[in-house]
Amino acid sequence: MVELAREVLDGSLLGKRVAVLGAAFKPESDDIRDSPALNVAAQLQLQGANVVLTDPAAIENCKKQWPQIDYADTPEEAAKGADAVLLLTEWKQFRELDPVAFGKVVRQKRVLDGRNALDRDKWEAAGWSYRALGRRHSA
């Protein structure tokens, strides 16, 4: 996922603002033990991205483990001015985001769906560049 983010961000993470939606191991949980999402967020941060993470339940646990990451209370706050948005935990409120309205807060309409949880056609129709882990992307 980190390499896919780098690819989508024109080959470099340095100085890029990346919104990460989800840190919990699974939706409806604040459990971040062995969370792939939090590992991705941390790796992006370590490689020079400005990561802003949001999660409906796990932010307090994340802050204890990764205080150097920036946190936001809402997806819109996390995505404000973002060069890319990564969906890493398939919370219902993330799956139901309106890509048209959400596109108004980002700098670049690039979404990486790490959980294959978003409606690709709906996001692409709203002008987003959509990539999903394990799915081929359209040209």
C-alpha atoms as a PDB file:
ATOM      1  CA  MET A   1       0.000   0.000   0.000  1.00  0.00           C
ATOM      2  CA  VAL A   2       2.892   2.357   0.732  1.00  0.00           C
ATOM      3  CA  GLU A   3       4.371   1.716  -2.715  1.00  0.00           C
ATOM      4  CA  LEU A   4       0.975   2.203  -4.347  1.00  0.00           C
ATOM      5  CA  ALA A   5       0.661   5.543  -2.532  1.00  0.00           C
ATOM      6  CA  ARG A   6       4.111   6.568  -3.749  1.00  0.00           C
ATOM      7  CA  GLU A   7       3.144   5.622  -7.313  1.00  0.00           C
ATOM      8  CA  VAL A   8      -0.111   7.590  -7.150  1.00  0.00           C
ATOM      9  CA  LEU A   9       1.785  10.573  -5.718  1.00  0.00           C
ATOM     10  CA  ASP A  10       4.022  10.832  -8.784  1.00  0.00           C
ATOM     11  CA  GLY A  11       6.857   8.775  -7.303  1.00  0.00           C
ATOM     12  CA  SER A  12       7.520  10.681  -4.078  1.00  0.00           C
ATOM     13  CA  LEU A  13       5.967  10.911  -0.627  1.00  0.00           C
ATOM     14  CA  LEU A  14       8.133  13.838   0.493  1.00  0.00           C
ATOM     15  CA  GLY A  15       6.002  16.751   1.595  1.00  0.00           C
ATOM     16  CA  LYS A  16       2.768  15.208   0.301  1.00  0.00           C
ATOM     17  CA  ARG A  17      -0.330  15.480   2.478  1.00  0.00           C
ATOM     18  CA  VAL A  18      -1.987  12.088   2.820  1.00  0.00           C
ATOM     19  CA  ALA A  19      -5.338  11.553   4.514  1.00  0.00           C
ATOM     20  CA  VAL A  20      -5.684   8.122   6.092  1.00  0.00           C
ATOM     21  CA  LEU A  21      -9.226   6.977   6.799  1.00  0.00           C
ATOM     22  CA  GLY A  22      -9.132   4.269   9.407  1.00  0.00           C
ATOM     23  CA  ALA A  23      -6.561   2.862  11.795  1.00  0.00           C
ATOM     24  CA  ALA A  24      -8.456   0.179  13.672  1.00  0.00           C
ATOM     25  CA  PHE A  25      -7.800  -3.452  12.820  1.00  0.00           C
ATOM     26  CA  LYS A  26     -11.449  -3.731  11.735  1.00  0.00           C
ATOM     27  CA  PRO A  27     -14.536  -1.509  11.730  1.00  0.00           C
ATOM     28  CA  GLU A  28     -16.563  -1.098  14.919  1.00  0.00           C
ATOM     29  CA  SER A  29     -13.417  -1.483  17.030  1.00  0.00           C
ATOM     30  CA  ASP A  30     -10.742   0.629  18.687  1.00  0.00           C
ATOM     31  CA  ASP A  31      -8.268  -2.274  18.500  1.00  0.00           C
ATOM     32  CA  ILE A  32      -5.039  -1.234  16.745  1.00  0.00           C
ATOM     33  CA  ARG A  33      -2.936  -4.272  17.681  1.00  0.00           C
ATOM     34  CA  ASP A  34      -1.236  -5.510  14.512  1.00  0.00           C
ATOM     35  CA  SER A  35      -3.277  -2.993  12.521  1.00  0.00           C
ATOM     36  CA  PRO A  36      -2.099  -2.951   8.891  1.00  0.00           C
ATOM     37  CA  ALA A  37      -3.713   0.486   8.520  1.00  0.00           C
ATOM     38  CA  LEU A  38      -1.669   2.026  11.302  1.00  0.00           C
ATOM     39  CA  ASN A  39       1.490   0.390   9.958  1.00  0.00           C
ATOM     40  CA  VAL A  40       0.838   1.959   6.538  1.00  0.00           C
ATOM     41  CA  ALA A  41       0.162   5.386   8.073  1.00  0.00           C
ATOM     42  CA  ALA A  42       3.339   5.197  10.153  1.00  0.00           C
ATOM     43  CA  GLN A  43       5.442   4.080   7.181  1.00  0.00           C
ATOM     44  CA  LEU A  44       4.093   6.926   5.031  1.00  0.00           C
ATOM     45  CA  GLN A  45       4.987   9.373   7.795  1.00  0.00           C
ATOM     46  CA  LEU A  46       8.480   7.898   8.204  1.00  0.00           C
ATOM     47  CA  GLN A  47       9.061   8.214   4.460  1.00  0.00           C
ATOM     48  CA  GLY A  48       8.287  11.929   4.398  1.00  0.00           C
ATOM     49  CA  ALA A  49       4.528  12.252   3.911  1.00  0.00           C
ATOM     50  CA  ASN A  50       2.448  14.560   6.074  1.00  0.00           C
ATOM     51  CA  VAL A  51      -0.116  12.032   7.320  1.00  0.00           C
ATOM     52  CA  VAL A  52      -3.419  13.093   8.840  1.00  0.00           C
ATOM     53  CA  LEU A  53      -5.350  10.126  10.193  1.00  0.00           C
ATOM     54  CA  THR A  54      -8.934   9.781  11.303  1.00  0.00           C
ATOM     55  CA  ASP A  55     -10.790   6.850  12.811  1.00  0.00           C
ATOM     56  CA  PRO A  56     -14.180   6.863  14.570  1.00  0.00           C
ATOM     57  CA  ALA A  57     -12.945   4.864  17.569  1.00  0.00           C
ATOM     58  CA  ALA A  58      -9.185   4.307  17.582  1.00  0.00           C
ATOM     59  CA  ILE A  59      -7.641   7.796  17.615  1.00  0.00           C
ATOM     60  CA  GLU A  60      -6.792   7.806  21.331  1.00  0.00           C
ATOM     61  CA  ASN A  61      -5.056   4.419  21.044  1.00  0.00           C
ATOM     62  CA  CYS A  62      -3.194   5.627  17.944  1.00  0.00           C
ATOM     63  CA  LYS A  63      -1.981   8.801  19.657  1.00  0.00           C
ATOM     64  CA  LYS A  64      -0.342   6.699  22.364  1.00  0.00           C
ATOM     65  CA  GLN A  65       1.496   4.514  19.858  1.00  0.00           C
ATOM     66  CA  TRP A  66       2.240   7.126  17.157  1.00  0.00           C
ATOM     67  CA  PRO A  67       2.136  10.635  18.690  1.00  0.00           C
ATOM     68  CA  GLN A  68       4.072  12.061  15.729  1.00  0.00           C
ATOM     69  CA  ILE A  69       1.181  11.471  13.319  1.00  0.00           C
ATOM     70  CA  ASP A  70      -1.422  14.229  12.989  1.00  0.00           C
ATOM     71  CA  TYR A  71      -5.011  13.270  13.810  1.00  0.00           C
ATOM     72  CA  ALA A  72      -8.387  14.654  12.774  1.00  0.00           C
ATOM     73  CA  ASP A  73     -11.891  14.161  14.125  1.00  0.00           C
ATOM     74  CA  THR A  74     -13.610  13.837  10.745  1.00  0.00           C
ATOM     75  CA  PRO A  75     -12.746  12.526   7.267  1.00  0.00           C
ATOM     76  CA  GLU A  76     -13.242  16.039   5.872  1.00  0.00           C
ATOM     77  CA  GLU A  77     -10.790  17.515   8.370  1.00  0.00           C
ATOM     78  CA  ALA A  78      -8.250  14.775   7.598  1.00  0.00           C
ATOM     79  CA  ALA A  79      -8.632  15.277   3.840  1.00  0.00           C
ATOM     80  CA  LYS A  80      -8.426  19.070   3.812  1.00  0.00           C
ATOM     81  CA  GLY A  81      -5.774  19.923   1.230  1.00  0.00           C
ATOM     82  CA  ALA A  82      -4.783  16.260   0.771  1.00  0.00           C
ATOM     83  CA  ASP A  83      -2.794  15.067  -2.234  1.00  0.00           C
ATOM     84  CA  ALA A  84      -4.233  11.560  -1.747  1.00  0.00           C
ATOM     85  CA  VAL A  85      -6.810   9.805   0.427  1.00  0.00           C
ATOM     86  CA  LEU A  86      -6.254   6.233   1.618  1.00  0.00           C
ATOM     87  CA  LEU A  87      -9.161   4.147   2.871  1.00  0.00           C
ATOM     88  CA  LEU A  88      -7.581   1.607   5.223  1.00  0.00           C
ATOM     89  CA  THR A  89     -10.451   0.516   7.508  1.00  0.00           C
ATOM     90  CA  GLU A  90     -13.889   0.017   5.982  1.00  0.00           C
ATOM     91  CA  TRP A  91     -15.965   1.942   8.504  1.00  0.00           C
ATOM     92  CA  LYS A  92     -19.541   2.538   7.291  1.00  0.00           C
ATOM     93  CA  GLN A  93     -19.133   6.325   7.490  1.00  0.00           C
ATOM     94  CA  PHE A  94     -16.104   6.112   5.172  1.00  0.00           C
ATOM     95  CA  ARG A  95     -17.837   3.794   2.692  1.00  0.00           C
ATOM     96  CA  GLU A  96     -20.791   6.194   2.552  1.00  0.00           C
ATOM     97  CA  LEU A  97     -18.795   9.370   1.897  1.00  0.00           C
ATOM     98  CA  ASP A  98     -20.159  11.479  -0.955  1.00  0.00           C
ATOM     99  CA  PRO A  99     -17.255  11.687  -3.433  1.00  0.00           C
ATOM    100  CA  VAL A 100     -18.600  14.921  -4.946  1.00  0.00           C
ATOM    101  CA  ALA A 101     -18.738  16.793  -1.622  1.00  0.00           C
ATOM    102  CA  PHE A 102     -15.576  15.102  -0.352  1.00  0.00           C
ATOM    103  CA  GLY A 103     -13.743  16.168  -3.507  1.00  0.00           C
ATOM    104  CA  LYS A 104     -14.220  19.814  -2.539  1.00  0.00           C
ATOM    105  CA  VAL A 105     -11.862  19.575   0.456  1.00  0.00           C
ATOM    106  CA  VAL A 106      -8.891  17.785  -1.129  1.00  0.00           C
ATOM    107  CA  ARG A 107      -6.082  19.291  -3.193  1.00  0.00           C
ATOM    108  CA  GLN A 108      -5.969  16.299  -5.572  1.00  0.00           C
ATOM    109  CA  LYS A 109      -8.824  13.850  -6.186  1.00  0.00           C
ATOM    110  CA  ARG A 110      -6.808  10.659  -5.715  1.00  0.00           C
ATOM    111  CA  VAL A 111      -8.200   7.833  -3.633  1.00  0.00           C
ATOM    112  CA  LEU A 112      -6.543   4.541  -2.761  1.00  0.00           C
ATOM    113  CA  ASP A 113      -9.075   1.999  -1.590  1.00  0.00           C
ATOM    114  CA  GLY A 114      -7.088  -0.419   0.538  1.00  0.00           C
ATOM    115  CA  ARG A 115     -10.201  -2.401   1.494  1.00  0.00           C
ATOM    116  CA  ASN A 116     -12.031  -2.550  -1.860  1.00  0.00           C
ATOM    117  CA  ALA A 117     -14.954  -0.958  -0.019  1.00  0.00           C
ATOM    118  CA  LEU A 118     -15.782   2.080  -2.161  1.00  0.00           C
ATOM    119  CA  ASP A 119     -18.016   2.234  -5.231  1.00  0.00           C
ATOM    120  CA  ARG A 120     -15.380   2.729  -7.924  1.00  0.00           C
ATOM    121  CA  ASP A 121     -17.838   3.942 -10.580  1.00  0.00           C
ATOM    122  CA  LYS A 122     -19.307   6.537  -8.231  1.00  0.00           C
ATOM    123  CA  TRP A 123     -15.876   7.904  -7.248  1.00  0.00           C
ATOM    124  CA  GLU A 124     -14.584   7.986 -10.814  1.00  0.00           C
ATOM    125  CA  ALA A 125     -17.797   9.695 -11.992  1.00  0.00           C
ATOM    126  CA  ALA A 126     -17.071  12.404  -9.399  1.00  0.00           C
ATOM    127  CA  GLY A 127     -13.666  13.010 -11.002  1.00  0.00           C
ATOM    128  CA  TRP A 128     -11.488  10.957  -8.671  1.00  0.00           C
ATOM    129  CA  SER A 129      -8.488   8.927  -9.745  1.00  0.00           C
ATOM    130  CA  TYR A 130      -9.362   5.592  -8.110  1.00  0.00           C
ATOM    131  CA  ARG A 131      -6.918   2.813  -7.264  1.00  0.00           C
ATOM    132  CA  ALA A 132      -7.594  -0.255  -5.179  1.00  0.00           C
ATOM    133  CA  LEU A 133      -5.223  -2.762  -3.692  1.00  0.00           C
ATOM    134  CA  GLY A 134      -5.325  -5.892  -5.815  1.00  0.00           C
ATOM    135  CA  ARG A 135      -7.467  -4.359  -8.572  1.00  0.00           C
ATOM    136  CA  ARG A 136      -6.296  -3.170 -11.942  1.00  0.00           C
ATOM    137  CA  HIS A 137      -6.763   0.505 -12.529  1.00  0.00           C
ATOM    138  CA  SER A 138      -8.348   2.064 -15.553  1.00  0.00           C
ATOM    139  CA  ALA A 139      -6.219   4.155 -17.863  1.00  0.00           C
END
